[in-house]
Amino acid sequence: MLMLYNSDSFAVVQFDLPTDATPAQASPAQDAPLTRGGYEIVDKFARKEIFLEGAMAESFKEGVEALIQTSPSEDELDDYIARFTQLAQHPVVLH
């Protein structure tokens, strides 16, 4: 788990989880163990969160990387993240 972004409006955390693949299932060209994961985005004002994985996570990552090339302001980053939080359905629950 790695905190990537934290503003007054949003928090973005990256998760990399090991898969259940055995070495026989792993590609020989692959040195690191297989992982899966994604990004959890928390909308602090709406108190909802969404977990992005697969193609959606890859799209999010590519968009952030392109945006960072332009040295964005916090508002610009928040605007980009807000596009994904419109899909958020899970309420944030504190334990």
PDB file of N, CA and C in Angstrom:
ATOM      1  N   MET A   1       0.852  -1.162   0.000  1.00  0.00           N
ATOM      2  CA  MET A   1       0.000   0.000   0.000  1.00  0.00           C
ATOM      3  C   MET A   1       0.904   1.232   0.000  1.00  0.00           C
ATOM      4  N   LEU A   2       0.583   2.164  -0.891  1.00  0.00           N
ATOM      5  CA  LEU A   2       1.392   3.366  -1.036  1.00  0.00           C
ATOM      6  C   LEU A   2       0.481   4.559  -1.266  1.00  0.00           C
ATOM      7  N   MET A   3       0.546   5.538  -0.364  1.00  0.00           N
ATOM      8  CA  MET A   3      -0.246   6.768  -0.526  1.00  0.00           C
ATOM      9  C   MET A   3       0.376   7.575  -1.654  1.00  0.00           C
ATOM     10  N   LEU A   4      -0.401   7.794  -2.721  1.00  0.00           N
ATOM     11  CA  LEU A   4       0.100   8.534  -3.873  1.00  0.00           C
ATOM     12  C   LEU A   4      -0.302   9.993  -3.865  1.00  0.00           C
ATOM     13  N   TYR A   5      -1.477  10.275  -3.306  1.00  0.00           N
ATOM     14  CA  TYR A   5      -1.994  11.645  -3.372  1.00  0.00           C
ATOM     15  C   TYR A   5      -2.933  11.855  -2.200  1.00  0.00           C
ATOM     16  N   ASN A   6      -2.852  13.039  -1.610  1.00  0.00           N
ATOM     17  CA  ASN A   6      -3.727  13.372  -0.486  1.00  0.00           C
ATOM     18  C   ASN A   6      -3.972  14.877  -0.507  1.00  0.00           C
ATOM     19  N   SER A   7      -5.209  15.257  -0.822  1.00  0.00           N
ATOM     20  CA  SER A   7      -5.588  16.669  -0.818  1.00  0.00           C
ATOM     21  C   SER A   7      -6.764  16.839   0.138  1.00  0.00           C
ATOM     22  N   ASP A   8      -7.295  18.042   0.206  1.00  0.00           N
ATOM     23  CA  ASP A   8      -8.471  18.269   1.046  1.00  0.00           C
ATOM     24  C   ASP A   8      -9.681  17.498   0.518  1.00  0.00           C
ATOM     25  N   SER A   9      -9.691  17.206  -0.785  1.00  0.00           N
ATOM     26  CA  SER A   9     -10.842  16.561  -1.418  1.00  0.00           C
ATOM     27  C   SER A   9     -10.706  15.055  -1.603  1.00  0.00           C
ATOM     28  N   PHE A  10      -9.491  14.585  -1.933  1.00  0.00           N
ATOM     29  CA  PHE A  10      -9.299  13.184  -2.305  1.00  0.00           C
ATOM     30  C   PHE A  10      -8.057  12.579  -1.680  1.00  0.00           C
ATOM     31  N   ALA A  11      -8.089  11.261  -1.553  1.00  0.00           N
ATOM     32  CA  ALA A  11      -6.906  10.478  -1.207  1.00  0.00           C
ATOM     33  C   ALA A  11      -6.827   9.344  -2.221  1.00  0.00           C
ATOM     34  N   VAL A  12      -5.613   9.080  -2.725  1.00  0.00           N
ATOM     35  CA  VAL A  12      -5.403   7.999  -3.680  1.00  0.00           C
ATOM     36  C   VAL A  12      -4.311   7.096  -3.118  1.00  0.00           C
ATOM     37  N   VAL A  13      -4.645   5.803  -3.009  1.00  0.00           N
ATOM     38  CA  VAL A  13      -3.711   4.813  -2.479  1.00  0.00           C
ATOM     39  C   VAL A  13      -3.530   3.721  -3.521  1.00  0.00           C
ATOM     40  N   GLN A  14      -2.275   3.337  -3.754  1.00  0.00           N
ATOM     41  CA  GLN A  14      -1.970   2.257  -4.694  1.00  0.00           C
ATOM     42  C   GLN A  14      -1.787   0.967  -3.905  1.00  0.00           C
ATOM     43  N   PHE A  15      -2.396  -0.109  -4.406  1.00  0.00           N
ATOM     44  CA  PHE A  15      -2.270  -1.431  -3.803  1.00  0.00           C
ATOM     45  C   PHE A  15      -1.618  -2.371  -4.805  1.00  0.00           C
ATOM     46  N   ASP A  16      -0.607  -3.105  -4.375  1.00  0.00           N
ATOM     47  CA  ASP A  16      -0.013  -4.193  -5.149  1.00  0.00           C
ATOM     48  C   ASP A  16      -0.114  -5.440  -4.298  1.00  0.00           C
ATOM     49  N   LEU A  17      -0.899  -6.392  -4.761  1.00  0.00           N
ATOM     50  CA  LEU A  17      -1.138  -7.619  -4.017  1.00  0.00           C
ATOM     51  C   LEU A  17      -0.533  -8.791  -4.770  1.00  0.00           C
ATOM     52  N   PRO A  18       0.173  -9.693  -4.071  1.00  0.00           N
ATOM     53  CA  PRO A  18       0.713 -10.866  -4.766  1.00  0.00           C
ATOM     54  C   PRO A  18      -0.425 -11.774  -5.222  1.00  0.00           C
ATOM     55  N   THR A  19      -0.241 -12.397  -6.374  1.00  0.00           N
ATOM     56  CA  THR A  19      -1.236 -13.348  -6.864  1.00  0.00           C
ATOM     57  C   THR A  19      -0.936 -14.723  -6.303  1.00  0.00           C
ATOM     58  N   ASP A  20      -1.829 -15.656  -6.565  1.00  0.00           N
ATOM     59  CA  ASP A  20      -1.653 -17.026  -6.090  1.00  0.00           C
ATOM     60  C   ASP A  20      -0.875 -17.881  -7.081  1.00  0.00           C
ATOM     61  N   ALA A  21      -0.281 -17.275  -8.092  1.00  0.00           N
ATOM     62  CA  ALA A  21       0.435 -18.031  -9.111  1.00  0.00           C
ATOM     63  C   ALA A  21       1.671 -18.694  -8.529  1.00  0.00           C
ATOM     64  N   THR A  22       1.908 -19.914  -8.908  1.00  0.00           N
ATOM     65  CA  THR A  22       3.111 -20.632  -8.493  1.00  0.00           C
ATOM     66  C   THR A  22       4.210 -20.330  -9.493  1.00  0.00           C
ATOM     67  N   PRO A  23       5.467 -20.612  -9.152  1.00  0.00           N
ATOM     68  CA  PRO A  23       6.551 -20.339 -10.097  1.00  0.00           C
ATOM     69  C   PRO A  23       6.364 -21.042 -11.440  1.00  0.00           C
ATOM     70  N   ALA A  24       5.738 -22.209 -11.468  1.00  0.00           N
ATOM     71  CA  ALA A  24       5.511 -22.917 -12.723  1.00  0.00           C
ATOM     72  C   ALA A  24       4.541 -22.141 -13.622  1.00  0.00           C
ATOM     73  N   GLN A  25       3.646 -21.370 -13.019  1.00  0.00           N
ATOM     74  CA  GLN A  25       2.683 -20.595 -13.786  1.00  0.00           C
ATOM     75  C   GLN A  25       3.258 -19.259 -14.227  1.00  0.00           C
ATOM     76  N   ALA A  26       4.315 -18.811 -13.593  1.00  0.00           N
ATOM     77  CA  ALA A  26       4.895 -17.509 -13.918  1.00  0.00           C
ATOM     78  C   ALA A  26       5.695 -17.603 -15.210  1.00  0.00           C
ATOM     79  N   SER A  27       5.772 -16.512 -15.899  1.00  0.00           N
ATOM     80  CA  SER A  27       6.545 -16.442 -17.130  1.00  0.00           C
ATOM     81  C   SER A  27       8.032 -16.524 -16.796  1.00  0.00           C
ATOM     82  N   PRO A  28       8.826 -17.286 -17.552  1.00  0.00           N
ATOM     83  CA  PRO A  28      10.255 -17.386 -17.256  1.00  0.00           C
ATOM     84  C   PRO A  28      10.975 -16.051 -17.367  1.00  0.00           C
ATOM     85  N   ALA A  29      10.473 -15.145 -18.195  1.00  0.00           N
ATOM     86  CA  ALA A  29      11.117 -13.839 -18.368  1.00  0.00           C
ATOM     87  C   ALA A  29      10.802 -12.891 -17.224  1.00  0.00           C
ATOM     88  N   GLN A  30       9.985 -13.338 -16.322  1.00  0.00           N
ATOM     89  CA  GLN A  30       9.537 -12.461 -15.237  1.00  0.00           C
ATOM     90  C   GLN A  30      10.380 -12.731 -13.990  1.00  0.00           C
ATOM     91  N   ASP A  31      11.099 -11.707 -13.522  1.00  0.00           N
ATOM     92  CA  ASP A  31      11.940 -11.870 -12.345  1.00  0.00           C
ATOM     93  C   ASP A  31      11.154 -11.680 -11.058  1.00  0.00           C
ATOM     94  N   ALA A  32      10.238 -10.740 -11.048  1.00  0.00           N
ATOM     95  CA  ALA A  32       9.461 -10.430  -9.844  1.00  0.00           C
ATOM     96  C   ALA A  32       8.237 -11.328  -9.779  1.00  0.00           C
ATOM     97  N   PRO A  33       7.739 -11.578  -8.567  1.00  0.00           N
ATOM     98  CA  PRO A  33       6.503 -12.360  -8.465  1.00  0.00           C
ATOM     99  C   PRO A  33       5.338 -11.610  -9.102  1.00  0.00           C
ATOM    100  N   LEU A  34       4.364 -12.367  -9.578  1.00  0.00           N
ATOM    101  CA  LEU A  34       3.183 -11.752 -10.180  1.00  0.00           C
ATOM    102  C   LEU A  34       2.419 -10.960  -9.129  1.00  0.00           C
ATOM    103  N   THR A  35       1.898  -9.821  -9.544  1.00  0.00           N
ATOM    104  CA  THR A  35       1.097  -9.017  -8.634  1.00  0.00           C
ATOM    105  C   THR A  35      -0.175  -8.578  -9.330  1.00  0.00           C
ATOM    106  N   ARG A  36      -1.150  -8.225  -8.531  1.00  0.00           N
ATOM    107  CA  ARG A  36      -2.348  -7.580  -9.026  1.00  0.00           C
ATOM    108  C   ARG A  36      -2.666  -6.496  -8.026  1.00  0.00           C
ATOM    109  N   GLY A  37      -3.404  -5.559  -8.430  1.00  0.00           N
ATOM    110  CA  GLY A  37      -3.713  -4.479  -7.522  1.00  0.00           C
ATOM    111  C   GLY A  37      -4.478  -3.400  -8.241  1.00  0.00           C
ATOM    112  N   GLY A  38      -4.377  -2.221  -7.712  1.00  0.00           N
ATOM    113  CA  GLY A  38      -5.094  -1.117  -8.301  1.00  0.00           C
ATOM    114  C   GLY A  38      -4.974   0.112  -7.434  1.00  0.00           C
ATOM    115  N   TYR A  39      -5.968   0.970  -7.584  1.00  0.00           N
ATOM    116  CA  TYR A  39      -5.963   2.247  -6.888  1.00  0.00           C
ATOM    117  C   TYR A  39      -7.279   2.428  -6.138  1.00  0.00           C
ATOM    118  N   GLU A  40      -7.175   2.786  -4.877  1.00  0.00           N
ATOM    119  CA  GLU A  40      -8.358   3.152  -4.114  1.00  0.00           C
ATOM    120  C   GLU A  40      -8.409   4.670  -4.076  1.00  0.00           C
ATOM    121  N   ILE A  41      -9.548   5.220  -4.469  1.00  0.00           N
ATOM    122  CA  ILE A  41      -9.749   6.662  -4.452  1.00  0.00           C
ATOM    123  C   ILE A  41     -10.858   6.965  -3.461  1.00  0.00           C
ATOM    124  N   VAL A  42     -10.566   7.830  -2.519  1.00  0.00           N
ATOM    125  CA  VAL A  42     -11.548   8.239  -1.516  1.00  0.00           C
ATOM    126  C   VAL A  42     -11.934   9.684  -1.767  1.00  0.00           C
ATOM    127  N   ASP A  43     -13.232   9.906  -1.939  1.00  0.00           N
ATOM    128  CA  ASP A  43     -13.788  11.252  -2.052  1.00  0.00           C
ATOM    129  C   ASP A  43     -14.148  11.681  -0.632  1.00  0.00           C
ATOM    130  N   LYS A  44     -13.371  12.561  -0.075  1.00  0.00           N
ATOM    131  CA  LYS A  44     -13.536  12.935   1.330  1.00  0.00           C
ATOM    132  C   LYS A  44     -14.832  13.680   1.601  1.00  0.00           C
ATOM    133  N   PHE A  45     -15.299  14.475   0.652  1.00  0.00           N
ATOM    134  CA  PHE A  45     -16.522  15.239   0.873  1.00  0.00           C
ATOM    135  C   PHE A  45     -17.770  14.377   0.721  1.00  0.00           C
ATOM    136  N   ALA A  46     -17.785  13.505  -0.287  1.00  0.00           N
ATOM    137  CA  ALA A  46     -18.940  12.626  -0.502  1.00  0.00           C
ATOM    138  C   ALA A  46     -18.894  11.411   0.423  1.00  0.00           C
ATOM    139  N   ARG A  47     -17.731  11.177   1.049  1.00  0.00           N
ATOM    140  CA  ARG A  47     -17.521  10.023   1.929  1.00  0.00           C
ATOM    141  C   ARG A  47     -17.821   8.713   1.212  1.00  0.00           C
ATOM    142  N   LYS A  48     -17.285   8.626  -0.010  1.00  0.00           N
ATOM    143  CA  LYS A  48     -17.414   7.408  -0.806  1.00  0.00           C
ATOM    144  C   LYS A  48     -16.041   7.051  -1.357  1.00  0.00           C
ATOM    145  N   GLU A  49     -15.900   5.760  -1.695  1.00  0.00           N
ATOM    146  CA  GLU A  49     -14.641   5.315  -2.262  1.00  0.00           C
ATOM    147  C   GLU A  49     -14.897   4.386  -3.423  1.00  0.00           C
ATOM    148  N   ILE A  50     -13.872   4.253  -4.263  1.00  0.00           N
ATOM    149  CA  ILE A  50     -13.922   3.334  -5.387  1.00  0.00           C
ATOM    150  C   ILE A  50     -12.560   2.683  -5.513  1.00  0.00           C
ATOM    151  N   PHE A  51     -12.551   1.403  -5.900  1.00  0.00           N
ATOM    152  CA  PHE A  51     -11.307   0.684  -6.146  1.00  0.00           C
ATOM    153  C   PHE A  51     -11.221   0.415  -7.634  1.00  0.00           C
ATOM    154  N   LEU A  52     -10.170   0.927  -8.258  1.00  0.00           N
ATOM    155  CA  LEU A  52      -9.956   0.734  -9.688  1.00  0.00           C
ATOM    156  C   LEU A  52      -8.938  -0.369  -9.890  1.00  0.00           C
ATOM    157  N   GLU A  53      -9.267  -1.333 -10.763  1.00  0.00           N
ATOM    158  CA  GLU A  53      -8.305  -2.367 -11.111  1.00  0.00           C
ATOM    159  C   GLU A  53      -8.442  -2.694 -12.590  1.00  0.00           C
ATOM    160  N   GLY A  54      -7.514  -3.442 -13.102  1.00  0.00           N
ATOM    161  CA  GLY A  54      -7.574  -3.840 -14.504  1.00  0.00           C
ATOM    162  C   GLY A  54      -7.427  -2.666 -15.454  1.00  0.00           C
ATOM    163  N   ALA A  55      -8.247  -2.689 -16.506  1.00  0.00           N
ATOM    164  CA  ALA A  55      -8.169  -1.663 -17.556  1.00  0.00           C
ATOM    165  C   ALA A  55      -8.473  -0.266 -17.015  1.00  0.00           C
ATOM    166  N   MET A  56      -9.404  -0.178 -16.072  1.00  0.00           N
ATOM    167  CA  MET A  56      -9.739   1.134 -15.496  1.00  0.00           C
ATOM    168  C   MET A  56      -8.548   1.693 -14.714  1.00  0.00           C
ATOM    169  N   ALA A  57      -7.855   0.845 -13.977  1.00  0.00           N
ATOM    170  CA  ALA A  57      -6.676   1.291 -13.225  1.00  0.00           C
ATOM    171  C   ALA A  57      -5.568   1.732 -14.174  1.00  0.00           C
ATOM    172  N   GLU A  58      -5.398   0.995 -15.258  1.00  0.00           N
ATOM    173  CA  GLU A  58      -4.373   1.351 -16.236  1.00  0.00           C
ATOM    174  C   GLU A  58      -4.697   2.695 -16.893  1.00  0.00           C
ATOM    175  N   SER A  59      -5.959   2.914 -17.199  1.00  0.00           N
ATOM    176  CA  SER A  59      -6.389   4.191 -17.776  1.00  0.00           C
ATOM    177  C   SER A  59      -6.140   5.336 -16.800  1.00  0.00           C
ATOM    178  N   PHE A  60      -6.462   5.117 -15.530  1.00  0.00           N
ATOM    179  CA  PHE A  60      -6.224   6.128 -14.493  1.00  0.00           C
ATOM    180  C   PHE A  60      -4.735   6.459 -14.409  1.00  0.00           C
ATOM    181  N   LYS A  61      -3.904   5.421 -14.362  1.00  0.00           N
ATOM    182  CA  LYS A  61      -2.455   5.607 -14.258  1.00  0.00           C
ATOM    183  C   LYS A  61      -1.907   6.387 -15.444  1.00  0.00           C
ATOM    184  N   GLU A  62      -2.319   6.016 -16.657  1.00  0.00           N
ATOM    185  CA  GLU A  62      -1.833   6.709 -17.855  1.00  0.00           C
ATOM    186  C   GLU A  62      -2.270   8.169 -17.865  1.00  0.00           C
ATOM    187  N   GLY A  63      -3.495   8.438 -17.428  1.00  0.00           N
ATOM    188  CA  GLY A  63      -3.981   9.815 -17.372  1.00  0.00           C
ATOM    189  C   GLY A  63      -3.211  10.659 -16.376  1.00  0.00           C
ATOM    190  N   VAL A  64      -2.910  10.075 -15.219  1.00  0.00           N
ATOM    191  CA  VAL A  64      -2.143  10.800 -14.202  1.00  0.00           C
ATOM    192  C   VAL A  64      -0.727  11.067 -14.708  1.00  0.00           C
ATOM    193  N   GLU A  65      -0.120  10.064 -15.336  1.00  0.00           N
ATOM    194  CA  GLU A  65       1.238  10.253 -15.858  1.00  0.00           C
ATOM    195  C   GLU A  65       1.277  11.363 -16.908  1.00  0.00           C
ATOM    196  N   ALA A  66       0.270  11.418 -17.782  1.00  0.00           N
ATOM    197  CA  ALA A  66       0.209  12.475 -18.795  1.00  0.00           C
ATOM    198  C   ALA A  66      -0.016  13.839 -18.142  1.00  0.00           C
ATOM    199  N   LEU A  67      -0.862  13.877 -17.139  1.00  0.00           N
ATOM    200  CA  LEU A  67      -1.156  15.130 -16.449  1.00  0.00           C
ATOM    201  C   LEU A  67       0.066  15.661 -15.702  1.00  0.00           C
ATOM    202  N   ILE A  68       0.822  14.772 -15.101  1.00  0.00           N
ATOM    203  CA  ILE A  68       2.007  15.183 -14.335  1.00  0.00           C
ATOM    204  C   ILE A  68       3.049  15.831 -15.242  1.00  0.00           C
ATOM    205  N   GLN A  69       3.074  15.463 -16.510  1.00  0.00           N
ATOM    206  CA  GLN A  69       4.012  16.066 -17.464  1.00  0.00           C
ATOM    207  C   GLN A  69       3.797  17.572 -17.590  1.00  0.00           C
ATOM    208  N   THR A  70       2.590  18.050 -17.269  1.00  0.00           N
ATOM    209  CA  THR A  70       2.259  19.468 -17.410  1.00  0.00           C
ATOM    210  C   THR A  70       2.407  20.255 -16.107  1.00  0.00           C
ATOM    211  N   SER A  71       2.949  19.635 -15.060  1.00  0.00           N
ATOM    212  CA  SER A  71       3.070  20.260 -13.734  1.00  0.00           C
ATOM    213  C   SER A  71       1.726  20.845 -13.284  1.00  0.00           C
ATOM    214  N   PRO A  72       0.740  19.979 -13.069  1.00  0.00           N
ATOM    215  CA  PRO A  72      -0.615  20.447 -12.759  1.00  0.00           C
ATOM    216  C   PRO A  72      -0.744  21.051 -11.360  1.00  0.00           C
ATOM    217  N   SER A  73      -1.747  21.881 -11.208  1.00  0.00           N
ATOM    218  CA  SER A  73      -2.073  22.411  -9.886  1.00  0.00           C
ATOM    219  C   SER A  73      -2.882  21.355  -9.137  1.00  0.00           C
ATOM    220  N   GLU A  74      -3.077  21.559  -7.855  1.00  0.00           N
ATOM    221  CA  GLU A  74      -3.892  20.651  -7.056  1.00  0.00           C
ATOM    222  C   GLU A  74      -5.323  20.600  -7.603  1.00  0.00           C
ATOM    223  N   ASP A  75      -5.841  21.739  -8.029  1.00  0.00           N
ATOM    224  CA  ASP A  75      -7.195  21.775  -8.594  1.00  0.00           C
ATOM    225  C   ASP A  75      -7.305  20.935  -9.864  1.00  0.00           C
ATOM    226  N   GLU A  76      -6.278  20.988 -10.703  1.00  0.00           N
ATOM    227  CA  GLU A  76      -6.294  20.185 -11.928  1.00  0.00           C
ATOM    228  C   GLU A  76      -6.241  18.699 -11.619  1.00  0.00           C
ATOM    229  N   LEU A  77      -5.423  18.307 -10.649  1.00  0.00           N
ATOM    230  CA  LEU A  77      -5.381  16.906 -10.233  1.00  0.00           C
ATOM    231  C   LEU A  77      -6.721  16.476  -9.643  1.00  0.00           C
ATOM    232  N   ASP A  78      -7.295  17.318  -8.791  1.00  0.00           N
ATOM    233  CA  ASP A  78      -8.594  16.997  -8.189  1.00  0.00           C
ATOM    234  C   ASP A  78      -9.683  16.856  -9.252  1.00  0.00           C
ATOM    235  N   ASP A  79      -9.651  17.720 -10.270  1.00  0.00           N
ATOM    236  CA  ASP A  79     -10.637  17.635 -11.353  1.00  0.00           C
ATOM    237  C   ASP A  79     -10.513  16.306 -12.101  1.00  0.00           C
ATOM    238  N   TYR A  80      -9.277  15.873 -12.354  1.00  0.00           N
ATOM    239  CA  TYR A  80      -9.070  14.594 -13.037  1.00  0.00           C
ATOM    240  C   TYR A  80      -9.572  13.435 -12.176  1.00  0.00           C
ATOM    241  N   ILE A  81      -9.227  13.430 -10.916  1.00  0.00           N
ATOM    242  CA  ILE A  81      -9.641  12.357 -10.006  1.00  0.00           C
ATOM    243  C   ILE A  81     -11.156  12.327  -9.859  1.00  0.00           C
ATOM    244  N   ALA A  82     -11.788  13.495  -9.853  1.00  0.00           N
ATOM    245  CA  ALA A  82     -13.246  13.578  -9.685  1.00  0.00           C
ATOM    246  C   ALA A  82     -13.989  12.826 -10.782  1.00  0.00           C
ATOM    247  N   ARG A  83     -13.396  12.719 -11.965  1.00  0.00           N
ATOM    248  CA  ARG A  83     -14.036  11.964 -13.053  1.00  0.00           C
ATOM    249  C   ARG A  83     -14.238  10.499 -12.670  1.00  0.00           C
ATOM    250  N   PHE A  84     -13.324   9.962 -11.907  1.00  0.00           N
ATOM    251  CA  PHE A  84     -13.407   8.558 -11.515  1.00  0.00           C
ATOM    252  C   PHE A  84     -14.303   8.372 -10.294  1.00  0.00           C
ATOM    253  N   THR A  85     -14.353   9.358  -9.417  1.00  0.00           N
ATOM    254  CA  THR A  85     -15.152   9.202  -8.196  1.00  0.00           C
ATOM    255  C   THR A  85     -16.641   9.327  -8.462  1.00  0.00           C
ATOM    256  N   GLN A  86     -17.024   9.779  -9.646  1.00  0.00           N
ATOM    257  CA  GLN A  86     -18.443   9.804  -9.984  1.00  0.00           C
ATOM    258  C   GLN A  86     -19.021   8.393 -10.015  1.00  0.00           C
ATOM    259  N   LEU A  87     -18.155   7.400 -10.171  1.00  0.00           N
ATOM    260  CA  LEU A  87     -18.576   6.001 -10.181  1.00  0.00           C
ATOM    261  C   LEU A  87     -18.623   5.391  -8.782  1.00  0.00           C
ATOM    262  N   ALA A  88     -18.132   6.105  -7.787  1.00  0.00           N
ATOM    263  CA  ALA A  88     -18.030   5.564  -6.430  1.00  0.00           C
ATOM    264  C   ALA A  88     -19.408   5.255  -5.843  1.00  0.00           C
ATOM    265  N   GLN A  89     -19.542   4.060  -5.305  1.00  0.00           N
ATOM    266  CA  GLN A  89     -20.789   3.611  -4.703  1.00  0.00           C
ATOM    267  C   GLN A  89     -20.626   3.205  -3.245  1.00  0.00           C
ATOM    268  N   HIS A  90     -19.394   2.874  -2.846  1.00  0.00           N
ATOM    269  CA  HIS A  90     -19.143   2.356  -1.517  1.00  0.00           C
ATOM    270  C   HIS A  90     -18.937   3.485  -0.517  1.00  0.00           C
ATOM    271  N   PRO A  91     -19.728   3.515   0.548  1.00  0.00           N
ATOM    272  CA  PRO A  91     -19.515   4.532   1.580  1.00  0.00           C
ATOM    273  C   PRO A  91     -18.217   4.231   2.344  1.00  0.00           C
ATOM    274  N   VAL A  92     -17.538   5.269   2.751  1.00  0.00           N
ATOM    275  CA  VAL A  92     -16.343   5.103   3.558  1.00  0.00           C
ATOM    276  C   VAL A  92     -16.786   4.740   4.976  1.00  0.00           C
ATOM    277  N   VAL A  93     -16.212   3.659   5.494  1.00  0.00           N
ATOM    278  CA  VAL A  93     -16.547   3.187   6.833  1.00  0.00           C
ATOM    279  C   VAL A  93     -15.270   3.169   7.648  1.00  0.00           C
ATOM    280  N   LEU A  94     -15.271   3.812   8.768  1.00  0.00           N
ATOM    281  CA  LEU A  94     -14.112   3.815   9.656  1.00  0.00           C
ATOM    282  C   LEU A  94     -14.234   2.680  10.644  1.00  0.00           C
ATOM    283  N   HIS A  95     -13.127   1.984  10.864  1.00  0.00           N
ATOM    284  CA  HIS A  95     -13.125   0.852  11.788  1.00  0.00           C
ATOM    285  C   HIS A  95     -12.557   1.270  13.122  1.00  0.00           C
TER     286      HIS A  95
END
